[in-house]
Amino acid sequence: MWGFLEIFAVARAFSLNVELYAFDVGSQKVRLYHQQNEGKHCVALLFSGQAEGGHFDLLLPMTRFGEGWRGRRRG
């Protein structure tokens, strides 16, 4: 399992911006809770599950709008 330290080490090694998101039950929205700016390209990860045994899912494809991310619409 990878923790925050390993994720940010990879961000620095590959010159990536890593944004970590989680679902906020109270507001019923996905919220950004940490950001590591190390480069030009961005990777957004959604944390789900319990704090001790959760996991990250990659959010793709994404376009950034304001505070968070929203998937591109096809049409």
N, C-alpha and C. Protein backbone atom coordinates (compact mmCIF):
# COMPACT_ATOMS: atom_id res chain seq x y z
N MET A 1 0.83 -1.18 0.00
CA MET A 1 0.00 0.00 0.00
C MET A 1 0.87 1.24 0.00
N TRP A 2 0.42 2.25 -0.70
CA TRP A 2 1.13 3.51 -0.76
C TRP A 2 0.46 4.52 0.14
N GLY A 3 1.25 5.26 0.88
CA GLY A 3 0.75 6.34 1.71
C GLY A 3 1.05 7.68 1.07
N PHE A 4 0.75 8.74 1.79
CA PHE A 4 0.97 10.09 1.27
C PHE A 4 2.43 10.34 0.94
N LEU A 5 3.32 9.89 1.78
CA LEU A 5 4.74 10.13 1.56
C LEU A 5 5.20 9.54 0.23
N GLU A 6 4.78 8.31 -0.06
CA GLU A 6 5.17 7.66 -1.31
C GLU A 6 4.55 8.36 -2.52
N ILE A 7 3.30 8.79 -2.39
CA ILE A 7 2.64 9.49 -3.50
C ILE A 7 3.36 10.80 -3.82
N PHE A 8 3.74 11.54 -2.79
CA PHE A 8 4.41 12.80 -3.02
C PHE A 8 5.85 12.62 -3.50
N ALA A 9 6.48 11.54 -3.11
CA ALA A 9 7.82 11.23 -3.62
C ALA A 9 7.74 10.95 -5.12
N VAL A 10 6.72 10.23 -5.56
CA VAL A 10 6.53 9.97 -6.98
C VAL A 10 6.22 11.28 -7.72
N ALA A 11 5.41 12.15 -7.09
CA ALA A 11 5.10 13.45 -7.70
C ALA A 11 6.37 14.23 -7.97
N ARG A 12 7.24 14.26 -7.00
CA ARG A 12 8.50 15.01 -7.16
C ARG A 12 9.41 14.33 -8.19
N ALA A 13 9.50 13.01 -8.14
CA ALA A 13 10.39 12.27 -9.05
C ALA A 13 9.97 12.43 -10.51
N PHE A 14 8.64 12.51 -10.76
CA PHE A 14 8.14 12.60 -12.13
C PHE A 14 7.62 13.99 -12.49
N SER A 15 7.89 14.98 -11.63
CA SER A 15 7.46 16.37 -11.86
C SER A 15 5.97 16.47 -12.16
N LEU A 16 5.16 15.97 -11.24
CA LEU A 16 3.70 15.99 -11.37
C LEU A 16 3.08 16.83 -10.28
N ASN A 17 1.93 17.41 -10.59
CA ASN A 17 1.07 17.98 -9.56
C ASN A 17 0.10 16.88 -9.16
N VAL A 18 0.02 16.60 -7.88
CA VAL A 18 -0.90 15.57 -7.38
C VAL A 18 -1.94 16.25 -6.51
N GLU A 19 -3.21 16.01 -6.82
CA GLU A 19 -4.31 16.54 -6.03
C GLU A 19 -5.08 15.37 -5.44
N LEU A 20 -5.30 15.42 -4.14
CA LEU A 20 -6.02 14.35 -3.44
C LEU A 20 -7.41 14.83 -3.06
N TYR A 21 -8.40 14.03 -3.41
CA TYR A 21 -9.80 14.36 -3.16
C TYR A 21 -10.43 13.29 -2.29
N ALA A 22 -11.51 13.67 -1.60
CA ALA A 22 -12.32 12.73 -0.83
C ALA A 22 -13.77 13.18 -0.91
N PHE A 23 -14.68 12.24 -0.74
CA PHE A 23 -16.11 12.57 -0.74
C PHE A 23 -16.50 13.09 0.63
N ASP A 24 -17.07 14.30 0.67
CA ASP A 24 -17.54 14.92 1.91
C ASP A 24 -19.01 14.55 2.10
N VAL A 25 -19.28 13.72 3.09
CA VAL A 25 -20.63 13.23 3.34
C VAL A 25 -21.57 14.38 3.69
N GLY A 26 -21.10 15.32 4.48
CA GLY A 26 -21.94 16.43 4.92
C GLY A 26 -22.47 17.27 3.77
N SER A 27 -21.60 17.64 2.83
CA SER A 27 -22.01 18.48 1.71
C SER A 27 -22.40 17.68 0.47
N GLN A 28 -22.14 16.36 0.51
CA GLN A 28 -22.42 15.47 -0.62
C GLN A 28 -21.65 15.89 -1.88
N LYS A 29 -20.39 16.33 -1.69
CA LYS A 29 -19.54 16.74 -2.80
C LYS A 29 -18.15 16.16 -2.64
N VAL A 30 -17.45 16.08 -3.74
CA VAL A 30 -16.04 15.68 -3.72
C VAL A 30 -15.22 16.94 -3.44
N ARG A 31 -14.33 16.86 -2.44
CA ARG A 31 -13.55 18.01 -2.01
C ARG A 31 -12.05 17.74 -2.11
N LEU A 32 -11.31 18.75 -2.53
CA LEU A 32 -9.85 18.71 -2.53
C LEU A 32 -9.38 18.85 -1.09
N TYR A 33 -8.52 17.91 -0.63
CA TYR A 33 -8.02 18.03 0.73
C TYR A 33 -6.51 18.15 0.81
N HIS A 34 -5.79 17.91 -0.28
CA HIS A 34 -4.34 18.15 -0.27
C HIS A 34 -3.85 18.26 -1.71
N GLN A 35 -2.83 19.09 -1.88
CA GLN A 35 -2.26 19.32 -3.20
C GLN A 35 -0.75 19.40 -3.09
N GLN A 36 -0.06 18.74 -4.01
CA GLN A 36 1.40 18.77 -4.07
C GLN A 36 1.78 19.26 -5.46
N ASN A 37 2.30 20.47 -5.56
CA ASN A 37 2.66 21.07 -6.85
C ASN A 37 4.14 20.84 -7.13
N GLU A 38 4.40 19.96 -8.09
CA GLU A 38 5.79 19.64 -8.42
C GLU A 38 6.06 19.72 -9.92
N GLY A 39 5.06 20.06 -10.74
CA GLY A 39 5.32 20.08 -12.18
C GLY A 39 4.17 20.65 -12.98
N LYS A 40 4.20 20.37 -14.28
CA LYS A 40 3.23 20.93 -15.22
C LYS A 40 1.97 20.07 -15.33
N HIS A 41 2.10 18.77 -15.31
CA HIS A 41 0.97 17.87 -15.50
C HIS A 41 0.34 17.51 -14.16
N CYS A 42 -0.99 17.33 -14.17
CA CYS A 42 -1.72 17.09 -12.93
C CYS A 42 -2.34 15.69 -12.92
N VAL A 43 -2.27 15.05 -11.77
CA VAL A 43 -2.92 13.77 -11.53
C VAL A 43 -3.85 13.97 -10.34
N ALA A 44 -5.12 13.63 -10.53
CA ALA A 44 -6.11 13.76 -9.45
C ALA A 44 -6.48 12.37 -8.96
N LEU A 45 -6.42 12.19 -7.63
CA LEU A 45 -6.72 10.90 -7.01
C LEU A 45 -7.86 11.07 -6.02
N LEU A 46 -8.82 10.15 -6.05
CA LEU A 46 -9.94 10.16 -5.12
C LEU A 46 -9.72 9.08 -4.08
N PHE A 47 -9.68 9.48 -2.79
CA PHE A 47 -9.52 8.53 -1.70
C PHE A 47 -10.91 8.05 -1.27
N SER A 48 -11.05 6.74 -1.15
CA SER A 48 -12.33 6.19 -0.67
C SER A 48 -12.05 5.04 0.28
N GLY A 49 -13.01 4.76 1.12
CA GLY A 49 -12.87 3.70 2.10
C GLY A 49 -12.49 4.26 3.45
N GLN A 50 -12.19 3.36 4.38
CA GLN A 50 -11.82 3.77 5.72
C GLN A 50 -10.40 4.32 5.74
N ALA A 51 -10.11 5.15 6.73
CA ALA A 51 -8.80 5.79 6.81
C ALA A 51 -7.67 4.77 6.85
N GLU A 52 -7.84 3.68 7.56
CA GLU A 52 -6.79 2.66 7.69
C GLU A 52 -6.71 1.71 6.50
N GLY A 53 -7.83 1.49 5.80
CA GLY A 53 -7.80 0.51 4.73
C GLY A 53 -8.38 0.98 3.42
N GLY A 54 -8.40 2.31 3.21
CA GLY A 54 -8.96 2.85 1.99
C GLY A 54 -8.00 2.74 0.82
N HIS A 55 -8.40 3.31 -0.30
CA HIS A 55 -7.55 3.26 -1.49
C HIS A 55 -7.77 4.52 -2.33
N PHE A 56 -6.89 4.74 -3.31
CA PHE A 56 -6.99 5.86 -4.23
C PHE A 56 -7.44 5.36 -5.59
N ASP A 57 -8.34 6.12 -6.22
CA ASP A 57 -8.75 5.89 -7.60
C ASP A 57 -8.30 7.09 -8.43
N LEU A 58 -7.84 6.83 -9.63
CA LEU A 58 -7.41 7.87 -10.53
C LEU A 58 -8.62 8.52 -11.17
N LEU A 59 -8.69 9.85 -11.19
CA LEU A 59 -9.79 10.57 -11.81
C LEU A 59 -9.36 11.02 -13.20
N LEU A 60 -9.95 10.43 -14.25
CA LEU A 60 -9.65 10.76 -15.64
C LEU A 60 -10.86 10.55 -16.52
N PRO A 61 -11.02 11.16 -17.66
CA PRO A 61 -10.39 12.43 -18.02
C PRO A 61 -11.07 13.56 -17.27
N MET A 62 -10.33 14.59 -17.00
CA MET A 62 -10.86 15.67 -16.18
C MET A 62 -10.50 17.03 -16.75
N THR A 63 -11.36 18.00 -16.48
CA THR A 63 -11.12 19.40 -16.77
C THR A 63 -11.33 20.15 -15.48
N ARG A 64 -10.45 21.06 -15.16
CA ARG A 64 -10.54 21.76 -13.89
C ARG A 64 -11.50 22.96 -13.99
N PHE A 65 -12.43 23.04 -13.04
CA PHE A 65 -13.37 24.15 -12.95
C PHE A 65 -13.43 24.62 -11.51
N GLY A 66 -12.91 25.80 -11.23
CA GLY A 66 -13.00 26.37 -9.88
C GLY A 66 -12.30 25.52 -8.85
N GLU A 67 -13.04 25.08 -7.82
CA GLU A 67 -12.45 24.36 -6.70
C GLU A 67 -12.19 22.89 -6.98
N GLY A 68 -12.85 22.32 -7.96
CA GLY A 68 -12.72 20.88 -8.14
C GLY A 68 -12.65 20.46 -9.59
N TRP A 69 -12.96 19.23 -9.82
CA TRP A 69 -12.87 18.64 -11.15
C TRP A 69 -14.24 18.18 -11.58
N ARG A 70 -14.46 18.23 -12.90
CA ARG A 70 -15.71 17.75 -13.46
C ARG A 70 -15.38 17.06 -14.78
N GLY A 71 -15.94 15.89 -15.00
CA GLY A 71 -15.66 15.16 -16.23
C GLY A 71 -16.12 15.92 -17.47
N ARG A 72 -15.43 15.70 -18.57
CA ARG A 72 -15.80 16.35 -19.83
C ARG A 72 -17.07 15.72 -20.38
N ARG A 73 -17.90 16.57 -20.93
CA ARG A 73 -19.13 16.06 -21.56
C ARG A 73 -18.88 15.76 -23.02
N ARG A 74 -19.44 14.70 -23.46
CA ARG A 74 -19.34 14.35 -24.88
C ARG A 74 -20.58 14.88 -25.59
N GLY A 75 -20.42 15.32 -26.80
CA GLY A 75 -21.62 15.77 -27.45
C GLY A 75 -21.36 16.44 -28.69
